Amino acid sequence: MSDSVNPGISDLMGIQPYSDAVKIVTQAAVDKVHAFLERLCYPASKELGLDLKDLVKEWRISFARSIVEKGKKKLEARVGDAEVHAHPRMISDIIEKGSRVDDPGLQEMWAGLLASSCTEDGKDQSNLVYANILGQMTATQSRILDYLCREVQIGYHLPSKSVEAKLLIVPTTKIVEVAQIADLIKIYVELYHMDTLGLITGGFFAASRHQIEVRPTSFAMSLFVRCQGSRQTPYDFFAGRSQGER
């Protein structure tokens, strides 16, 4: 193997011995990802000594690239040409965890989290909490959460501007369709894990097993909003969605 290393690819990967394995990734695509991340983090990344080239290994570059490209579109939809930044710790955490994910739905959520991590001063780290939970979710759980948050009826509390999901009764046939799993025991395990993560309450099959009764928590709805690339409060996000559907 040659001692010379392709600068764009190895800069992003940070692993010279494996440089030959990443030739399937085009130079232009890698440079585009690297440049976007550098722009979001600069100058804080320099001050903290964070080398963005060390965030992703060669076998994860395509997943990272997908997340960054989707995140960029979500960010542009939210802020247009405005200059925004993300805290280097947020970028590092999202790319480190998200680049291990091959499911398109989960990648979309990571992309949204990347976009909603960007602020004018780049100091906000609140999405670390959501990244921690998202990093523990399966692709099945992401599909279930997306379905629940889109279908549930919301109760709005004006004084506190908070939201509360109403109980959602889901036919077993529908939850099987959403989860893309036919085994009800496996679905129950997924729902149980979502409960332990604080994402839902309920989720138990009725005695007849023809339906489940479940509701997403306020935290789950906050996670859902951030994973759409939005920095709105759940109250404003869901209220706006409701008005748009009228």
Protein backbone atom coordinates (compact mmCIF):
# COMPACT_ATOMS: atom_id res chain seq x y z
CA MET A 1 0.00 0.00 0.00
CA SER A 2 1.30 3.43 -0.89
CA ASP A 3 2.29 5.90 1.82
CA SER A 4 0.47 8.65 -0.02
CA VAL A 5 -3.10 9.08 1.05
CA ASN A 6 -5.99 10.55 -0.88
CA PRO A 7 -6.35 13.84 1.03
CA GLY A 8 -10.11 14.31 0.80
CA ILE A 9 -11.15 10.81 1.77
CA SER A 10 -8.49 10.13 4.39
CA ASP A 11 -9.04 13.57 5.90
CA LEU A 12 -12.62 12.64 6.60
CA MET A 13 -11.86 9.11 7.72
CA GLY A 14 -8.64 9.66 9.59
CA ILE A 15 -7.54 6.07 9.00
CA GLN A 16 -4.66 5.88 6.53
CA PRO A 17 -4.15 2.07 6.48
CA TYR A 18 -7.61 1.55 5.03
CA SER A 19 -7.50 4.28 2.41
CA ASP A 20 -7.68 1.79 -0.47
CA ALA A 21 -11.00 0.47 0.79
CA VAL A 22 -12.75 3.80 0.30
CA LYS A 23 -12.02 4.35 -3.37
CA ILE A 24 -15.68 3.59 -4.14
CA VAL A 25 -16.57 6.93 -2.55
CA THR A 26 -16.06 9.86 -4.91
CA GLN A 27 -13.70 12.64 -3.95
CA ALA A 28 -16.28 15.33 -4.60
CA ALA A 29 -18.91 13.75 -2.35
CA VAL A 30 -16.52 13.35 0.57
CA ASP A 31 -15.21 16.89 0.24
CA LYS A 32 -18.78 18.16 0.24
CA VAL A 33 -19.60 16.40 3.51
CA HIS A 34 -16.37 17.52 5.16
CA ALA A 35 -16.80 21.13 4.06
CA PHE A 36 -20.36 21.32 5.37
CA LEU A 37 -19.41 19.92 8.79
CA GLU A 38 -16.42 22.25 9.01
CA ARG A 39 -18.61 25.25 8.22
CA LEU A 40 -21.11 24.33 10.92
CA CYS A 41 -18.47 23.84 13.61
CA TYR A 42 -16.03 26.61 12.78
CA PRO A 43 -14.47 28.29 14.75
CA ALA A 44 -15.42 26.33 17.86
CA SER A 45 -13.97 23.11 16.46
CA LYS A 46 -10.57 24.78 16.19
CA GLU A 47 -10.76 26.09 19.74
CA LEU A 48 -11.68 22.68 21.14
CA GLY A 49 -9.15 20.85 19.03
CA LEU A 50 -11.84 18.71 17.37
CA ASP A 51 -10.66 17.03 14.20
CA LEU A 52 -13.72 16.26 12.10
CA LYS A 53 -11.58 13.89 10.05
CA ASP A 54 -11.69 11.42 12.94
CA LEU A 55 -15.46 11.19 13.19
CA VAL A 56 -16.18 8.57 10.55
CA LYS A 57 -14.42 5.41 9.42
CA GLU A 58 -14.37 4.40 5.78
CA TRP A 59 -17.13 1.78 5.96
CA ARG A 60 -19.53 4.35 7.48
CA ILE A 61 -18.92 7.23 5.05
CA SER A 62 -21.95 6.50 2.86
CA PHE A 63 -24.27 6.58 5.89
CA ALA A 64 -22.68 9.78 7.19
CA ARG A 65 -22.93 11.36 3.77
CA SER A 66 -26.64 10.49 3.54
CA ILE A 67 -27.32 12.06 6.95
CA VAL A 68 -25.37 15.21 6.17
CA GLU A 69 -26.99 15.72 2.77
CA LYS A 70 -30.49 15.20 4.17
CA GLY A 71 -29.68 17.40 7.15
CA LYS A 72 -28.44 20.15 4.89
CA LYS A 73 -31.74 20.17 2.97
CA LYS A 74 -33.74 20.31 6.20
CA LEU A 75 -31.54 23.13 7.50
CA GLU A 76 -31.87 25.15 4.32
CA ALA A 77 -35.64 24.72 4.47
CA ARG A 78 -35.62 26.14 8.00
CA VAL A 79 -33.10 29.00 7.81
CA GLY A 80 -32.51 29.59 4.11
CA ASP A 81 -29.13 31.25 3.54
CA ALA A 82 -28.74 32.44 7.14
CA GLU A 83 -25.42 31.59 8.77
CA VAL A 84 -25.87 29.10 11.60
CA HIS A 85 -23.57 26.77 13.49
CA ALA A 86 -23.75 23.64 15.59
CA HIS A 87 -21.70 22.88 18.68
CA PRO A 88 -18.81 20.53 17.79
CA ARG A 89 -19.95 18.13 20.48
CA MET A 90 -23.34 17.86 18.77
CA ILE A 91 -21.81 17.24 15.35
CA SER A 92 -19.46 14.63 16.79
CA ASP A 93 -22.22 12.79 18.63
CA ILE A 94 -24.66 12.79 15.72
CA ILE A 95 -22.14 11.65 13.12
CA GLU A 96 -20.59 9.08 15.45
CA LYS A 97 -23.95 7.45 16.24
CA GLY A 98 -25.85 8.17 13.04
CA SER A 99 -23.16 6.86 10.70
CA ARG A 100 -23.69 3.38 12.14
CA VAL A 101 -27.29 3.34 10.90
CA ASP A 102 -28.27 1.87 7.54
CA ASP A 103 -32.05 2.28 7.87
CA PRO A 104 -33.34 5.22 5.77
CA GLY A 105 -35.98 6.16 8.34
CA LEU A 106 -33.48 6.37 11.18
CA GLN A 107 -31.07 8.26 8.94
CA GLU A 108 -33.84 10.77 8.28
CA MET A 109 -34.27 11.26 12.03
CA TRP A 110 -30.53 11.76 12.54
CA ALA A 111 -30.54 14.25 9.67
CA GLY A 112 -33.33 16.19 11.33
CA LEU A 113 -31.46 16.19 14.62
CA LEU A 114 -28.39 17.54 12.83
CA ALA A 115 -30.43 20.35 11.28
CA SER A 116 -32.18 21.28 14.54
CA SER A 117 -28.82 21.39 16.35
CA CYS A 118 -27.87 24.49 14.40
CA THR A 119 -28.34 27.91 15.98
CA GLU A 120 -27.05 31.40 15.38
CA ASP A 121 -24.28 31.17 17.99
CA GLY A 122 -23.72 27.41 17.79
CA LYS A 123 -23.64 26.98 21.57
CA ASP A 124 -26.80 24.95 22.14
CA GLN A 125 -26.28 21.33 23.20
CA SER A 126 -29.86 20.41 24.10
CA ASN A 127 -30.07 17.83 21.32
CA LEU A 128 -27.55 15.65 23.15
CA VAL A 129 -30.46 14.32 25.23
CA TYR A 130 -32.37 13.35 22.10
CA ALA A 131 -29.28 11.87 20.44
CA ASN A 132 -28.79 9.64 23.46
CA ILE A 133 -32.31 8.22 23.11
CA LEU A 134 -32.26 8.03 19.32
CA GLY A 135 -29.02 6.07 19.53
CA GLN A 136 -30.87 3.38 21.48
CA MET A 137 -33.82 3.09 19.10
CA THR A 138 -34.30 0.39 16.48
CA ALA A 139 -35.58 1.00 12.97
CA THR A 140 -38.88 -0.60 13.99
CA GLN A 141 -39.23 1.79 16.92
CA SER A 142 -38.55 4.78 14.69
CA ARG A 143 -41.37 3.71 12.38
CA ILE A 144 -43.77 3.24 15.28
CA LEU A 145 -42.85 6.60 16.81
CA ASP A 146 -43.28 8.39 13.49
CA TYR A 147 -46.71 6.82 13.02
CA LEU A 148 -47.89 7.63 16.54
CA CYS A 149 -46.78 11.26 16.43
CA ARG A 150 -48.43 11.81 13.06
CA GLU A 151 -51.70 10.09 13.93
CA VAL A 152 -52.29 10.97 17.57
CA GLN A 153 -54.77 13.63 18.65
CA ILE A 154 -53.12 16.39 20.69
CA GLY A 155 -54.46 18.20 23.73
CA TYR A 156 -53.16 21.79 24.04
CA HIS A 157 -52.68 23.58 27.34
CA LEU A 158 -52.65 27.32 26.69
CA PRO A 159 -51.28 28.67 30.00
CA SER A 160 -48.15 26.51 29.92
CA LYS A 161 -48.09 26.06 26.12
CA SER A 162 -47.60 22.34 26.62
CA VAL A 163 -49.07 19.41 24.74
CA GLU A 164 -50.43 16.06 25.77
CA ALA A 165 -51.19 13.16 23.48
CA LYS A 166 -54.57 11.52 23.73
CA LEU A 167 -54.89 7.76 23.92
CA LEU A 168 -54.55 6.18 20.50
CA ILE A 169 -56.22 2.88 19.74
CA VAL A 170 -54.35 1.08 16.96
CA PRO A 171 -55.66 -2.09 15.29
CA THR A 172 -53.20 -4.97 15.43
CA THR A 173 -53.22 -5.17 11.65
CA LYS A 174 -52.08 -1.53 11.47
CA ILE A 175 -49.28 -1.86 14.00
CA VAL A 176 -48.02 -4.93 12.11
CA GLU A 177 -48.05 -2.87 8.90
CA VAL A 178 -46.23 0.05 10.52
CA ALA A 179 -43.67 -2.07 12.35
CA GLN A 180 -43.11 -4.27 9.31
CA ILE A 181 -43.03 -7.23 11.68
CA ALA A 182 -45.66 -9.98 11.69
CA ASP A 183 -44.63 -11.51 15.02
CA LEU A 184 -46.71 -9.89 17.78
CA ILE A 185 -44.25 -10.99 20.47
CA LYS A 186 -41.45 -9.11 18.71
CA ILE A 187 -43.68 -6.06 18.39
CA TYR A 188 -44.44 -6.24 22.10
CA VAL A 189 -40.70 -6.30 22.86
CA GLU A 190 -40.21 -3.19 20.70
CA LEU A 191 -43.06 -1.41 22.47
CA TYR A 192 -41.72 -2.44 25.87
CA HIS A 193 -38.33 -0.94 25.02
CA MET A 194 -39.98 2.27 23.84
CA ASP A 195 -41.73 2.41 27.20
CA THR A 196 -38.42 2.01 29.08
CA LEU A 197 -36.97 4.85 26.98
CA GLY A 198 -39.82 7.10 28.07
CA LEU A 199 -41.29 7.37 24.57
CA ILE A 200 -44.72 5.83 25.12
CA THR A 201 -47.16 4.83 27.81
CA GLY A 202 -49.38 1.83 27.34
CA GLY A 203 -48.54 -0.20 24.28
CA PHE A 204 -50.13 -3.36 25.59
CA PHE A 205 -52.30 -5.56 23.43
CA ALA A 206 -55.94 -5.86 24.46
CA ALA A 207 -57.15 -9.28 25.62
CA SER A 208 -58.45 -10.00 22.14
CA ARG A 209 -55.11 -8.96 20.62
CA HIS A 210 -57.07 -7.06 17.99
CA GLN A 211 -55.71 -3.69 19.06
CA ILE A 212 -53.24 -1.82 21.27
CA GLU A 213 -53.81 1.27 23.36
CA VAL A 214 -50.86 3.62 23.40
CA ARG A 215 -49.88 7.26 23.58
CA PRO A 216 -46.57 9.00 22.84
CA THR A 217 -45.14 10.94 25.78
CA SER A 218 -44.41 14.65 25.75
CA PHE A 219 -40.73 13.77 25.50
CA ALA A 220 -41.40 11.57 22.46
CA MET A 221 -43.19 14.44 20.75
CA SER A 222 -40.26 16.76 21.51
CA LEU A 223 -37.90 14.19 20.00
CA PHE A 224 -40.15 13.86 16.96
CA VAL A 225 -40.16 17.64 16.41
CA ARG A 226 -36.37 17.94 16.66
CA CYS A 227 -35.97 15.00 14.28
CA GLN A 228 -38.03 16.91 11.70
CA GLY A 229 -35.27 19.52 11.71
CA SER A 230 -37.41 22.00 13.64
CA ARG A 231 -36.55 24.02 16.73
CA GLN A 232 -40.18 24.88 17.43
CA THR A 233 -41.76 23.84 20.68
CA PRO A 234 -44.07 20.82 20.37
CA TYR A 235 -46.96 23.20 21.10
CA ASP A 236 -46.15 25.47 18.14
CA PHE A 237 -45.20 22.60 15.84
CA PHE A 238 -48.33 20.52 16.34
CA ALA A 239 -50.63 23.52 16.53
CA GLY A 240 -49.24 24.73 13.22
CA ARG A 241 -49.67 21.30 11.71
CA SER A 242 -53.27 21.15 12.86
CA GLN A 243 -54.02 24.55 11.31
CA GLY A 244 -52.41 23.45 8.07
CA GLU A 245 -54.67 20.42 7.87
CA ARG A 246 -57.84 22.44 8.25
